[in-house]
Amino acid sequence: MEYCARLPRHYKRRGGTHKYLSRKLGEELLPKEVLTRRKMGFGVPVARWLRQDLGRELEDALLSPQARSRDYFQPEEVRRLLVAHRERGQDHSFQLWALFWLEIWMREMAL
């Protein structure tokens, strides 16, 4: 795969087919429907991460004195989202993930 990735583009495309060599190599190993299907994304378990693995870091970051002093978030609304998410009553992972990374970015930029 690494060798194929380094090849010039004209070797990797043929007749509108992307990843031509990779697909050709995979013909003997993979079913045809896998080789010809459209590109698919994959899910990331952000909701679980925010409830378990990153739960403490998330709360510490979003409710820290540093975050509160910026006055960008409404602390009580953030707390409400955190509690609702943690108790699994509602999924606020999209909003919490965005707020979490905004806070991290603000810290990195020293704002």
PDB file of N, CA and C in Angstrom:
ATOM      1  N   MET A   1       0.824  -1.187   0.000  1.00  0.00           N
ATOM      2  CA  MET A   1       0.000   0.000   0.000  1.00  0.00           C
ATOM      3  C   MET A   1       0.873   1.258   0.000  1.00  0.00           C
ATOM      4  N   GLU A   2       1.928   1.259   0.818  1.00  0.00           N
ATOM      5  CA  GLU A   2       2.789   2.440   0.874  1.00  0.00           C
ATOM      6  C   GLU A   2       3.465   2.683  -0.474  1.00  0.00           C
ATOM      7  N   TYR A   3       3.879   1.615  -1.110  1.00  0.00           N
ATOM      8  CA  TYR A   3       4.509   1.738  -2.423  1.00  0.00           C
ATOM      9  C   TYR A   3       3.523   2.367  -3.415  1.00  0.00           C
ATOM     10  N   CYS A   4       2.304   1.850  -3.427  1.00  0.00           N
ATOM     11  CA  CYS A   4       1.290   2.377  -4.347  1.00  0.00           C
ATOM     12  C   CYS A   4       0.991   3.847  -4.050  1.00  0.00           C
ATOM     13  N   ALA A   5       0.966   4.215  -2.783  1.00  0.00           N
ATOM     14  CA  ALA A   5       0.665   5.601  -2.421  1.00  0.00           C
ATOM     15  C   ALA A   5       1.723   6.564  -2.940  1.00  0.00           C
ATOM     16  N   ARG A   6       2.961   6.112  -3.074  1.00  0.00           N
ATOM     17  CA  ARG A   6       4.047   6.994  -3.531  1.00  0.00           C
ATOM     18  C   ARG A   6       4.154   7.085  -5.051  1.00  0.00           C
ATOM     19  N   LEU A   7       3.449   6.254  -5.758  1.00  0.00           N
ATOM     20  CA  LEU A   7       3.526   6.278  -7.223  1.00  0.00           C
ATOM     21  C   LEU A   7       2.921   7.555  -7.789  1.00  0.00           C
ATOM     22  N   PRO A   8       3.402   7.986  -8.957  1.00  0.00           N
ATOM     23  CA  PRO A   8       2.807   9.162  -9.606  1.00  0.00           C
ATOM     24  C   PRO A   8       1.324   8.928  -9.898  1.00  0.00           C
ATOM     25  N   ARG A   9       0.586  10.000  -9.950  1.00  0.00           N
ATOM     26  CA  ARG A   9      -0.865   9.950 -10.093  1.00  0.00           C
ATOM     27  C   ARG A   9      -1.313   9.170 -11.328  1.00  0.00           C
ATOM     28  N   HIS A  10      -0.597   9.290 -12.444  1.00  0.00           N
ATOM     29  CA  HIS A  10      -1.059   8.636 -13.672  1.00  0.00           C
ATOM     30  C   HIS A  10      -1.012   7.099 -13.557  1.00  0.00           C
ATOM     31  N   TYR A  11      -0.276   6.568 -12.601  1.00  0.00           N
ATOM     32  CA  TYR A  11      -0.283   5.120 -12.373  1.00  0.00           C
ATOM     33  C   TYR A  11      -1.462   4.701 -11.489  1.00  0.00           C
ATOM     34  N   LYS A  12      -1.981   5.617 -10.725  1.00  0.00           N
ATOM     35  CA  LYS A  12      -3.032   5.277  -9.767  1.00  0.00           C
ATOM     36  C   LYS A  12      -4.436   5.483 -10.307  1.00  0.00           C
ATOM     37  N   ARG A  13      -4.541   6.174 -11.426  1.00  0.00           N
ATOM     38  CA  ARG A  13      -5.846   6.436 -12.027  1.00  0.00           C
ATOM     39  C   ARG A  13      -5.885   5.876 -13.424  1.00  0.00           C
ATOM     40  N   ARG A  14      -6.956   5.213 -13.741  1.00  0.00           N
ATOM     41  CA  ARG A  14      -7.096   4.690 -15.099  1.00  0.00           C
ATOM     42  C   ARG A  14      -8.570   4.741 -15.485  1.00  0.00           C
ATOM     43  N   GLY A  15      -8.869   5.463 -16.546  1.00  0.00           N
ATOM     44  CA  GLY A  15     -10.241   5.526 -17.057  1.00  0.00           C
ATOM     45  C   GLY A  15     -11.255   6.014 -16.035  1.00  0.00           C
ATOM     46  N   GLY A  16     -10.895   6.970 -15.221  1.00  0.00           N
ATOM     47  CA  GLY A  16     -11.828   7.496 -14.227  1.00  0.00           C
ATOM     48  C   GLY A  16     -11.882   6.683 -12.944  1.00  0.00           C
ATOM     49  N   THR A  17     -11.128   5.595 -12.903  1.00  0.00           N
ATOM     50  CA  THR A  17     -11.099   4.761 -11.702  1.00  0.00           C
ATOM     51  C   THR A  17      -9.968   5.226 -10.795  1.00  0.00           C
ATOM     52  N   HIS A  18     -10.317   5.633  -9.616  1.00  0.00           N
ATOM     53  CA  HIS A  18      -9.318   6.043  -8.633  1.00  0.00           C
ATOM     54  C   HIS A  18      -8.752   4.800  -7.948  1.00  0.00           C
ATOM     55  N   LYS A  19      -7.556   4.914  -7.430  1.00  0.00           N
ATOM     56  CA  LYS A  19      -6.887   3.827  -6.715  1.00  0.00           C
ATOM     57  C   LYS A  19      -6.840   2.556  -7.578  1.00  0.00           C
ATOM     58  N   TYR A  20      -6.535   2.732  -8.838  1.00  0.00           N
ATOM     59  CA  TYR A  20      -6.563   1.624  -9.786  1.00  0.00           C
ATOM     60  C   TYR A  20      -5.688   0.461  -9.340  1.00  0.00           C
ATOM     61  N   LEU A  21      -4.427   0.737  -8.999  1.00  0.00           N
ATOM     62  CA  LEU A  21      -3.528  -0.355  -8.611  1.00  0.00           C
ATOM     63  C   LEU A  21      -3.968  -1.035  -7.319  1.00  0.00           C
ATOM     64  N   SER A  22      -4.416  -0.259  -6.368  1.00  0.00           N
ATOM     65  CA  SER A  22      -4.888  -0.848  -5.110  1.00  0.00           C
ATOM     66  C   SER A  22      -6.084  -1.752  -5.365  1.00  0.00           C
ATOM     67  N   ARG A  23      -6.987  -1.300  -6.216  1.00  0.00           N
ATOM     68  CA  ARG A  23      -8.161  -2.115  -6.532  1.00  0.00           C
ATOM     69  C   ARG A  23      -7.751  -3.387  -7.296  1.00  0.00           C
ATOM     70  N   LYS A  24      -6.807  -3.231  -8.205  1.00  0.00           N
ATOM     71  CA  LYS A  24      -6.340  -4.381  -8.982  1.00  0.00           C
ATOM     72  C   LYS A  24      -5.712  -5.428  -8.057  1.00  0.00           C
ATOM     73  N   LEU A  25      -4.898  -4.955  -7.115  1.00  0.00           N
ATOM     74  CA  LEU A  25      -4.284  -5.879  -6.159  1.00  0.00           C
ATOM     75  C   LEU A  25      -5.325  -6.550  -5.269  1.00  0.00           C
ATOM     76  N   GLY A  26      -6.382  -5.822  -4.953  1.00  0.00           N
ATOM     77  CA  GLY A  26      -7.410  -6.357  -4.078  1.00  0.00           C
ATOM     78  C   GLY A  26      -8.379  -7.318  -4.743  1.00  0.00           C
ATOM     79  N   GLU A  27      -8.345  -7.420  -6.072  1.00  0.00           N
ATOM     80  CA  GLU A  27      -9.295  -8.277  -6.778  1.00  0.00           C
ATOM     81  C   GLU A  27      -9.256  -9.724  -6.315  1.00  0.00           C
ATOM     82  N   GLU A  28      -8.072 -10.219  -5.971  1.00  0.00           N
ATOM     83  CA  GLU A  28      -7.957 -11.617  -5.551  1.00  0.00           C
ATOM     84  C   GLU A  28      -8.304 -11.803  -4.079  1.00  0.00           C
ATOM     85  N   LEU A  29      -8.323 -10.708  -3.325  1.00  0.00           N
ATOM     86  CA  LEU A  29      -8.525 -10.814  -1.885  1.00  0.00           C
ATOM     87  C   LEU A  29      -9.903 -10.376  -1.401  1.00  0.00           C
ATOM     88  N   LEU A  30     -10.539  -9.492  -2.136  1.00  0.00           N
ATOM     89  CA  LEU A  30     -11.788  -8.890  -1.676  1.00  0.00           C
ATOM     90  C   LEU A  30     -12.936  -9.175  -2.627  1.00  0.00           C
ATOM     91  N   PRO A  31     -14.153  -9.256  -2.107  1.00  0.00           N
ATOM     92  CA  PRO A  31     -15.319  -9.427  -2.977  1.00  0.00           C
ATOM     93  C   PRO A  31     -15.499  -8.204  -3.876  1.00  0.00           C
ATOM     94  N   LYS A  32     -16.068  -8.430  -5.049  1.00  0.00           N
ATOM     95  CA  LYS A  32     -16.251  -7.366  -6.033  1.00  0.00           C
ATOM     96  C   LYS A  32     -17.067  -6.212  -5.466  1.00  0.00           C
ATOM     97  N   GLU A  33     -18.103  -6.503  -4.644  1.00  0.00           N
ATOM     98  CA  GLU A  33     -18.943  -5.426  -4.107  1.00  0.00           C
ATOM     99  C   GLU A  33     -18.168  -4.496  -3.163  1.00  0.00           C
ATOM    100  N   VAL A  34     -17.116  -5.009  -2.546  1.00  0.00           N
ATOM    101  CA  VAL A  34     -16.275  -4.161  -1.697  1.00  0.00           C
ATOM    102  C   VAL A  34     -15.417  -3.249  -2.567  1.00  0.00           C
ATOM    103  N   LEU A  35     -14.887  -3.789  -3.642  1.00  0.00           N
ATOM    104  CA  LEU A  35     -14.021  -3.016  -4.528  1.00  0.00           C
ATOM    105  C   LEU A  35     -14.763  -1.937  -5.307  1.00  0.00           C
ATOM    106  N   THR A  36     -16.038  -2.141  -5.566  1.00  0.00           N
ATOM    107  CA  THR A  36     -16.781  -1.214  -6.417  1.00  0.00           C
ATOM    108  C   THR A  36     -17.737  -0.306  -5.651  1.00  0.00           C
ATOM    109  N   ARG A  37     -17.867  -0.493  -4.356  1.00  0.00           N
ATOM    110  CA  ARG A  37     -18.817   0.342  -3.613  1.00  0.00           C
ATOM    111  C   ARG A  37     -18.283   1.770  -3.466  1.00  0.00           C
ATOM    112  N   ARG A  38     -19.212   2.661  -3.186  1.00  0.00           N
ATOM    113  CA  ARG A  38     -18.866   4.066  -2.980  1.00  0.00           C
ATOM    114  C   ARG A  38     -18.080   4.219  -1.689  1.00  0.00           C
ATOM    115  N   LYS A  39     -17.373   5.317  -1.592  1.00  0.00           N
ATOM    116  CA  LYS A  39     -16.600   5.624  -0.398  1.00  0.00           C
ATOM    117  C   LYS A  39     -17.545   5.751   0.801  1.00  0.00           C
ATOM    118  N   MET A  40     -17.115   5.205   1.926  1.00  0.00           N
ATOM    119  CA  MET A  40     -17.941   5.237   3.128  1.00  0.00           C
ATOM    120  C   MET A  40     -17.153   5.875   4.272  1.00  0.00           C
ATOM    121  N   GLY A  41     -17.846   6.618   5.072  1.00  0.00           N
ATOM    122  CA  GLY A  41     -17.225   7.182   6.267  1.00  0.00           C
ATOM    123  C   GLY A  41     -17.310   6.176   7.406  1.00  0.00           C
ATOM    124  N   PHE A  42     -16.852   6.587   8.549  1.00  0.00           N
ATOM    125  CA  PHE A  42     -16.968   5.724   9.716  1.00  0.00           C
ATOM    126  C   PHE A  42     -17.315   6.587  10.918  1.00  0.00           C
ATOM    127  N   GLY A  43     -18.038   6.000  11.839  1.00  0.00           N
ATOM    128  CA  GLY A  43     -18.469   6.731  13.022  1.00  0.00           C
ATOM    129  C   GLY A  43     -17.381   6.807  14.076  1.00  0.00           C
ATOM    130  N   VAL A  44     -17.361   7.913  14.773  1.00  0.00           N
ATOM    131  CA  VAL A  44     -16.443   8.103  15.884  1.00  0.00           C
ATOM    132  C   VAL A  44     -17.296   8.184  17.144  1.00  0.00           C
ATOM    133  N   PRO A  45     -16.960   7.438  18.181  1.00  0.00           N
ATOM    134  CA  PRO A  45     -17.807   7.382  19.384  1.00  0.00           C
ATOM    135  C   PRO A  45     -17.640   8.588  20.303  1.00  0.00           C
ATOM    136  N   VAL A  46     -17.873   9.779  19.770  1.00  0.00           N
ATOM    137  CA  VAL A  46     -17.677  11.002  20.544  1.00  0.00           C
ATOM    138  C   VAL A  46     -18.591  11.028  21.768  1.00  0.00           C
ATOM    139  N   ALA A  47     -19.843  10.636  21.606  1.00  0.00           N
ATOM    140  CA  ALA A  47     -20.778  10.671  22.740  1.00  0.00           C
ATOM    141  C   ALA A  47     -20.246   9.835  23.903  1.00  0.00           C
ATOM    142  N   ARG A  48     -19.750   8.644  23.604  1.00  0.00           N
ATOM    143  CA  ARG A  48     -19.201   7.776  24.653  1.00  0.00           C
ATOM    144  C   ARG A  48     -17.939   8.385  25.245  1.00  0.00           C
ATOM    145  N   TRP A  49     -17.072   8.915  24.406  1.00  0.00           N
ATOM    146  CA  TRP A  49     -15.843   9.540  24.909  1.00  0.00           C
ATOM    147  C   TRP A  49     -16.173  10.631  25.912  1.00  0.00           C
ATOM    148  N   LEU A  50     -17.179  11.456  25.581  1.00  0.00           N
ATOM    149  CA  LEU A  50     -17.520  12.574  26.448  1.00  0.00           C
ATOM    150  C   LEU A  50     -18.206  12.125  27.730  1.00  0.00           C
ATOM    151  N   ARG A  51     -18.832  10.960  27.713  1.00  0.00           N
ATOM    152  CA  ARG A  51     -19.442  10.420  28.936  1.00  0.00           C
ATOM    153  C   ARG A  51     -18.416   9.687  29.796  1.00  0.00           C
ATOM    154  N   GLN A  52     -17.449   9.061  29.163  1.00  0.00           N
ATOM    155  CA  GLN A  52     -16.532   8.198  29.894  1.00  0.00           C
ATOM    156  C   GLN A  52     -15.107   8.737  29.867  1.00  0.00           C
ATOM    157  N   ASP A  53     -14.401   8.432  28.820  1.00  0.00           N
ATOM    158  CA  ASP A  53     -12.960   8.689  28.739  1.00  0.00           C
ATOM    159  C   ASP A  53     -12.575  10.155  28.935  1.00  0.00           C
ATOM    160  N   LEU A  54     -13.323  11.063  28.356  1.00  0.00           N
ATOM    161  CA  LEU A  54     -12.992  12.491  28.422  1.00  0.00           C
ATOM    162  C   LEU A  54     -13.942  13.281  29.320  1.00  0.00           C
ATOM    163  N   GLY A  55     -14.817  12.593  30.014  1.00  0.00           N
ATOM    164  CA  GLY A  55     -15.840  13.274  30.804  1.00  0.00           C
ATOM    165  C   GLY A  55     -15.284  14.274  31.803  1.00  0.00           C
ATOM    166  N   ARG A  56     -14.299  13.860  32.566  1.00  0.00           N
ATOM    167  CA  ARG A  56     -13.719  14.734  33.586  1.00  0.00           C
ATOM    168  C   ARG A  56     -12.984  15.908  32.934  1.00  0.00           C
ATOM    169  N   GLU A  57     -12.199  15.649  31.882  1.00  0.00           N
ATOM    170  CA  GLU A  57     -11.479  16.710  31.189  1.00  0.00           C
ATOM    171  C   GLU A  57     -12.440  17.716  30.556  1.00  0.00           C
ATOM    172  N   LEU A  58     -13.532  17.195  30.000  1.00  0.00           N
ATOM    173  CA  LEU A  58     -14.541  18.049  29.382  1.00  0.00           C
ATOM    174  C   LEU A  58     -15.128  19.009  30.404  1.00  0.00           C
ATOM    175  N   GLU A  59     -15.564  18.471  31.520  1.00  0.00           N
ATOM    176  CA  GLU A  59     -16.171  19.310  32.553  1.00  0.00           C
ATOM    177  C   GLU A  59     -15.164  20.299  33.126  1.00  0.00           C
ATOM    178  N   ASP A  60     -13.954  19.821  33.406  1.00  0.00           N
ATOM    179  CA  ASP A  60     -12.915  20.705  33.945  1.00  0.00           C
ATOM    180  C   ASP A  60     -12.609  21.852  32.994  1.00  0.00           C
ATOM    181  N   ALA A  61     -12.547  21.559  31.711  1.00  0.00           N
ATOM    182  CA  ALA A  61     -12.214  22.596  30.724  1.00  0.00           C
ATOM    183  C   ALA A  61     -13.338  23.606  30.573  1.00  0.00           C
ATOM    184  N   LEU A  62     -14.565  23.120  30.410  1.00  0.00           N
ATOM    185  CA  LEU A  62     -15.675  24.025  30.107  1.00  0.00           C
ATOM    186  C   LEU A  62     -16.169  24.824  31.306  1.00  0.00           C
ATOM    187  N   LEU A  63     -15.940  24.308  32.515  1.00  0.00           N
ATOM    188  CA  LEU A  63     -16.404  25.013  33.711  1.00  0.00           C
ATOM    189  C   LEU A  63     -15.253  25.610  34.516  1.00  0.00           C
ATOM    190  N   SER A  64     -14.081  25.627  33.922  1.00  0.00           N
ATOM    191  CA  SER A  64     -12.914  26.168  34.623  1.00  0.00           C
ATOM    192  C   SER A  64     -13.059  27.678  34.808  1.00  0.00           C
ATOM    193  N   PRO A  65     -12.390  28.226  35.823  1.00  0.00           N
ATOM    194  CA  PRO A  65     -12.385  29.684  35.984  1.00  0.00           C
ATOM    195  C   PRO A  65     -11.863  30.400  34.731  1.00  0.00           C
ATOM    196  N   GLN A  66     -10.892  29.778  34.086  1.00  0.00           N
ATOM    197  CA  GLN A  66     -10.323  30.356  32.864  1.00  0.00           C
ATOM    198  C   GLN A  66     -11.392  30.490  31.770  1.00  0.00           C
ATOM    199  N   ALA A  67     -12.161  29.424  31.546  1.00  0.00           N
ATOM    200  CA  ALA A  67     -13.219  29.461  30.528  1.00  0.00           C
ATOM    201  C   ALA A  67     -14.318  30.440  30.918  1.00  0.00           C
ATOM    202  N   ARG A  68     -14.675  30.440  32.182  1.00  0.00           N
ATOM    203  CA  ARG A  68     -15.743  31.329  32.654  1.00  0.00           C
ATOM    204  C   ARG A  68     -15.343  32.799  32.517  1.00  0.00           C
ATOM    205  N   SER A  69     -14.053  33.092  32.708  1.00  0.00           N
ATOM    206  CA  SER A  69     -13.598  34.479  32.656  1.00  0.00           C
ATOM    207  C   SER A  69     -13.674  35.062  31.252  1.00  0.00           C
ATOM    208  N   ARG A  70     -13.652  34.223  30.235  1.00  0.00           N
ATOM    209  CA  ARG A  70     -13.757  34.713  28.863  1.00  0.00           C
ATOM    210  C   ARG A  70     -15.156  35.223  28.549  1.00  0.00           C
ATOM    211  N   ASP A  71     -16.132  34.696  29.273  1.00  0.00           N
ATOM    212  CA  ASP A  71     -17.524  35.118  29.118  1.00  0.00           C
ATOM    213  C   ASP A  71     -18.082  34.792  27.731  1.00  0.00           C
ATOM    214  N   TYR A  72     -17.570  33.723  27.099  1.00  0.00           N
ATOM    215  CA  TYR A  72     -18.097  33.272  25.814  1.00  0.00           C
ATOM    216  C   TYR A  72     -19.224  32.263  25.987  1.00  0.00           C
ATOM    217  N   PHE A  73     -19.172  31.514  27.081  1.00  0.00           N
ATOM    218  CA  PHE A  73     -20.168  30.478  27.353  1.00  0.00           C
ATOM    219  C   PHE A  73     -21.067  30.942  28.490  1.00  0.00           C
ATOM    220  N   GLN A  74     -22.264  30.450  28.513  1.00  0.00           N
ATOM    221  CA  GLN A  74     -23.142  30.639  29.663  1.00  0.00           C
ATOM    222  C   GLN A  74     -22.933  29.424  30.560  1.00  0.00           C
ATOM    223  N   PRO A  75     -22.214  29.588  31.662  1.00  0.00           N
ATOM    224  CA  PRO A  75     -21.827  28.439  32.493  1.00  0.00           C
ATOM    225  C   PRO A  75     -22.988  27.543  32.912  1.00  0.00           C
ATOM    226  N   GLU A  76     -24.115  28.127  33.234  1.00  0.00           N
ATOM    227  CA  GLU A  76     -25.247  27.295  33.664  1.00  0.00           C
ATOM    228  C   GLU A  76     -25.817  26.473  32.511  1.00  0.00           C
ATOM    229  N   GLU A  77     -25.788  27.035  31.316  1.00  0.00           N
ATOM    230  CA  GLU A  77     -26.244  26.276  30.143  1.00  0.00           C
ATOM    231  C   GLU A  77     -25.269  25.157  29.822  1.00  0.00           C
ATOM    232  N   VAL A  78     -23.969  25.441  29.934  1.00  0.00           N
ATOM    233  CA  VAL A  78     -22.961  24.398  29.721  1.00  0.00           C
ATOM    234  C   VAL A  78     -23.141  23.292  30.754  1.00  0.00           C
ATOM    235  N   ARG A  79     -23.333  23.657  32.007  1.00  0.00           N
ATOM    236  CA  ARG A  79     -23.547  22.664  33.060  1.00  0.00           C
ATOM    237  C   ARG A  79     -24.785  21.816  32.769  1.00  0.00           C
ATOM    238  N   ARG A  80     -25.866  22.471  32.302  1.00  0.00           N
ATOM    239  CA  ARG A  80     -27.090  21.738  31.951  1.00  0.00           C
ATOM    240  C   ARG A  80     -26.826  20.719  30.839  1.00  0.00           C
ATOM    241  N   LEU A  81     -26.075  21.134  29.807  1.00  0.00           N
ATOM    242  CA  LEU A  81     -25.737  20.218  28.711  1.00  0.00           C
ATOM    243  C   LEU A  81     -24.895  19.045  29.219  1.00  0.00           C
ATOM    244  N   LEU A  82     -23.934  19.344  30.074  1.00  0.00           N
ATOM    245  CA  LEU A  82     -23.068  18.292  30.616  1.00  0.00           C
ATOM    246  C   LEU A  82     -23.871  17.265  31.409  1.00  0.00           C
ATOM    247  N   VAL A  83     -24.732  17.742  32.287  1.00  0.00           N
ATOM    248  CA  VAL A  83     -25.535  16.842  33.120  1.00  0.00           C
ATOM    249  C   VAL A  83     -26.478  16.016  32.256  1.00  0.00           C
ATOM    250  N   ALA A  84     -27.161  16.665  31.326  1.00  0.00           N
ATOM    251  CA  ALA A  84     -28.101  15.947  30.452  1.00  0.00           C
ATOM    252  C   ALA A  84     -27.375  14.888  29.627  1.00  0.00           C
ATOM    253  N   HIS A  85     -26.196  15.228  29.154  1.00  0.00           N
ATOM    254  CA  HIS A  85     -25.427  14.276  28.351  1.00  0.00           C
ATOM    255  C   HIS A  85     -24.920  13.123  29.214  1.00  0.00           C
ATOM    256  N   ARG A  86     -24.328  13.442  30.346  1.00  0.00           N
ATOM    257  CA  ARG A  86     -23.731  12.423  31.214  1.00  0.00           C
ATOM    258  C   ARG A  86     -24.768  11.428  31.715  1.00  0.00           C
ATOM    259  N   GLU A  87     -25.951  11.905  31.994  1.00  0.00           N
ATOM    260  CA  GLU A  87     -27.001  11.019  32.503  1.00  0.00           C
ATOM    261  C   GLU A  87     -27.700  10.263  31.382  1.00  0.00           C
ATOM    262  N   ARG A  88     -27.205  10.439  30.136  1.00  0.00           N
ATOM    263  CA  ARG A  88     -27.703   9.723  28.956  1.00  0.00           C
ATOM    264  C   ARG A  88     -29.146  10.023  28.581  1.00  0.00           C
ATOM    265  N   GLY A  89     -29.679  11.052  29.168  1.00  0.00           N
ATOM    266  CA  GLY A  89     -31.035  11.434  28.795  1.00  0.00           C
ATOM    267  C   GLY A  89     -31.075  12.052  27.414  1.00  0.00           C
ATOM    268  N   GLN A  90     -30.010  12.744  27.070  1.00  0.00           N
ATOM    269  CA  GLN A  90     -29.955  13.432  25.787  1.00  0.00           C
ATOM    270  C   GLN A  90     -28.535  13.337  25.252  1.00  0.00           C
ATOM    271  N   ASP A  91     -28.414  13.432  23.944  1.00  0.00           N
ATOM    272  CA  ASP A  91     -27.085  13.401  23.319  1.00  0.00           C
ATOM    273  C   ASP A  91     -26.719  14.809  22.882  1.00  0.00           C
ATOM    274  N   HIS A  92     -25.819  15.426  23.636  1.00  0.00           N
ATOM    275  CA  HIS A  92     -25.342  16.767  23.300  1.00  0.00           C
ATOM    276  C   HIS A  92     -23.887  16.717  22.864  1.00  0.00           C
ATOM    277  N   SER A  93     -23.469  15.581  22.339  1.00  0.00           N
ATOM    278  CA  SER A  93     -22.062  15.405  21.998  1.00  0.00           C
ATOM    279  C   SER A  93     -21.592  16.407  20.943  1.00  0.00           C
ATOM    280  N   PHE A  94     -22.432  16.735  19.976  1.00  0.00           N
ATOM    281  CA  PHE A  94     -22.019  17.676  18.930  1.00  0.00           C
ATOM    282  C   PHE A  94     -21.691  19.039  19.535  1.00  0.00           C
ATOM    283  N   GLN A  95     -22.594  19.556  20.366  1.00  0.00           N
ATOM    284  CA  GLN A  95     -22.383  20.867  20.982  1.00  0.00           C
ATOM    285  C   GLN A  95     -21.212  20.826  21.970  1.00  0.00           C
ATOM    286  N   LEU A  96     -21.142  19.796  22.796  1.00  0.00           N
ATOM    287  CA  LEU A  96     -20.084  19.711  23.801  1.00  0.00           C
ATOM    288  C   LEU A  96     -18.713  19.540  23.157  1.00  0.00           C
ATOM    289  N   TRP A  97     -18.641  18.747  22.111  1.00  0.00           N
ATOM    290  CA  TRP A  97     -17.376  18.543  21.396  1.00  0.00           C
ATOM    291  C   TRP A  97     -16.886  19.866  20.808  1.00  0.00           C
ATOM    292  N   ALA A  98     -17.808  20.627  20.217  1.00  0.00           N
ATOM    293  CA  ALA A  98     -17.441  21.924  19.637  1.00  0.00           C
ATOM    294  C   ALA A  98     -16.976  22.897  20.716  1.00  0.00           C
ATOM    295  N   LEU A  99     -17.689  22.946  21.826  1.00  0.00           N
ATOM    296  CA  LEU A  99     -17.291  23.830  22.929  1.00  0.00           C
ATOM    297  C   LEU A  99     -15.948  23.421  23.519  1.00  0.00           C
ATOM    298  N   PHE A 100     -15.740  22.125  23.653  1.00  0.00           N
ATOM    299  CA  PHE A 100     -14.490  21.591  24.205  1.00  0.00           C
ATOM    300  C   PHE A 100     -13.295  22.024  23.347  1.00  0.00           C
ATOM    301  N   TRP A 101     -13.409  21.833  22.032  1.00  0.00           N
ATOM    302  CA  TRP A 101     -12.295  22.188  21.152  1.00  0.00           C
ATOM    303  C   TRP A 101     -12.136  23.691  21.002  1.00  0.00           C
ATOM    304  N   LEU A 102     -13.222  24.435  21.115  1.00  0.00           N
ATOM    305  CA  LEU A 102     -13.098  25.886  21.118  1.00  0.00           C
ATOM    306  C   LEU A 102     -12.309  26.328  22.348  1.00  0.00           C
ATOM    307  N   GLU A 103     -12.617  25.749  23.501  1.00  0.00           N
ATOM    308  CA  GLU A 103     -11.885  26.087  24.728  1.00  0.00           C
ATOM    309  C   GLU A 103     -10.415  25.696  24.620  1.00  0.00           C
ATOM    310  N   ILE A 104     -10.134  24.550  24.075  1.00  0.00           N
ATOM    311  CA  ILE A 104      -8.734  24.137  23.894  1.00  0.00           C
ATOM    312  C   ILE A 104      -8.023  25.103  22.955  1.00  0.00           C
ATOM    313  N   TRP A 105      -8.688  25.477  21.872  1.00  0.00           N
ATOM    314  CA  TRP A 105      -8.092  26.422  20.924  1.00  0.00           C
ATOM    315  C   TRP A 105      -7.832  27.764  21.592  1.00  0.00           C
ATOM    316  N   MET A 106      -8.797  28.223  22.388  1.00  0.00           N
ATOM    317  CA  MET A 106      -8.633  29.508  23.093  1.00  0.00           C
ATOM    318  C   MET A 106      -7.424  29.458  24.012  1.00  0.00           C
ATOM    319  N   ARG A 107      -7.215  28.345  24.676  1.00  0.00           N
ATOM    320  CA  ARG A 107      -6.061  28.205  25.548  1.00  0.00           C
ATOM    321  C   ARG A 107      -4.768  28.216  24.753  1.00  0.00           C
ATOM    322  N   GLU A 108      -4.759  27.530  23.633  1.00  0.00           N
ATOM    323  CA  GLU A 108      -3.566  27.472  22.793  1.00  0.00           C
ATOM    324  C   GLU A 108      -3.202  28.852  22.234  1.00  0.00           C
ATOM    325  N   MET A 109      -4.224  29.623  21.913  1.00  0.00           N
ATOM    326  CA  MET A 109      -4.012  30.963  21.366  1.00  0.00           C
ATOM    327  C   MET A 109      -3.801  31.998  22.462  1.00  0.00           C
ATOM    328  N   ALA A 110      -3.900  31.543  23.706  1.00  0.00           N
ATOM    329  CA  ALA A 110      -3.741  32.423  24.883  1.00  0.00           C
ATOM    330  C   ALA A 110      -4.707  33.588  24.834  1.00  0.00           C
ATOM    331  N   LEU A 111      -5.953  33.285  24.508  1.00  0.00           N
ATOM    332  CA  LEU A 111      -6.992  34.328  24.448  1.00  0.00           C
ATOM    333  C   LEU A 111      -7.807  34.340  25.718  1.00  0.00           C
TER     334      LEU A 111
END
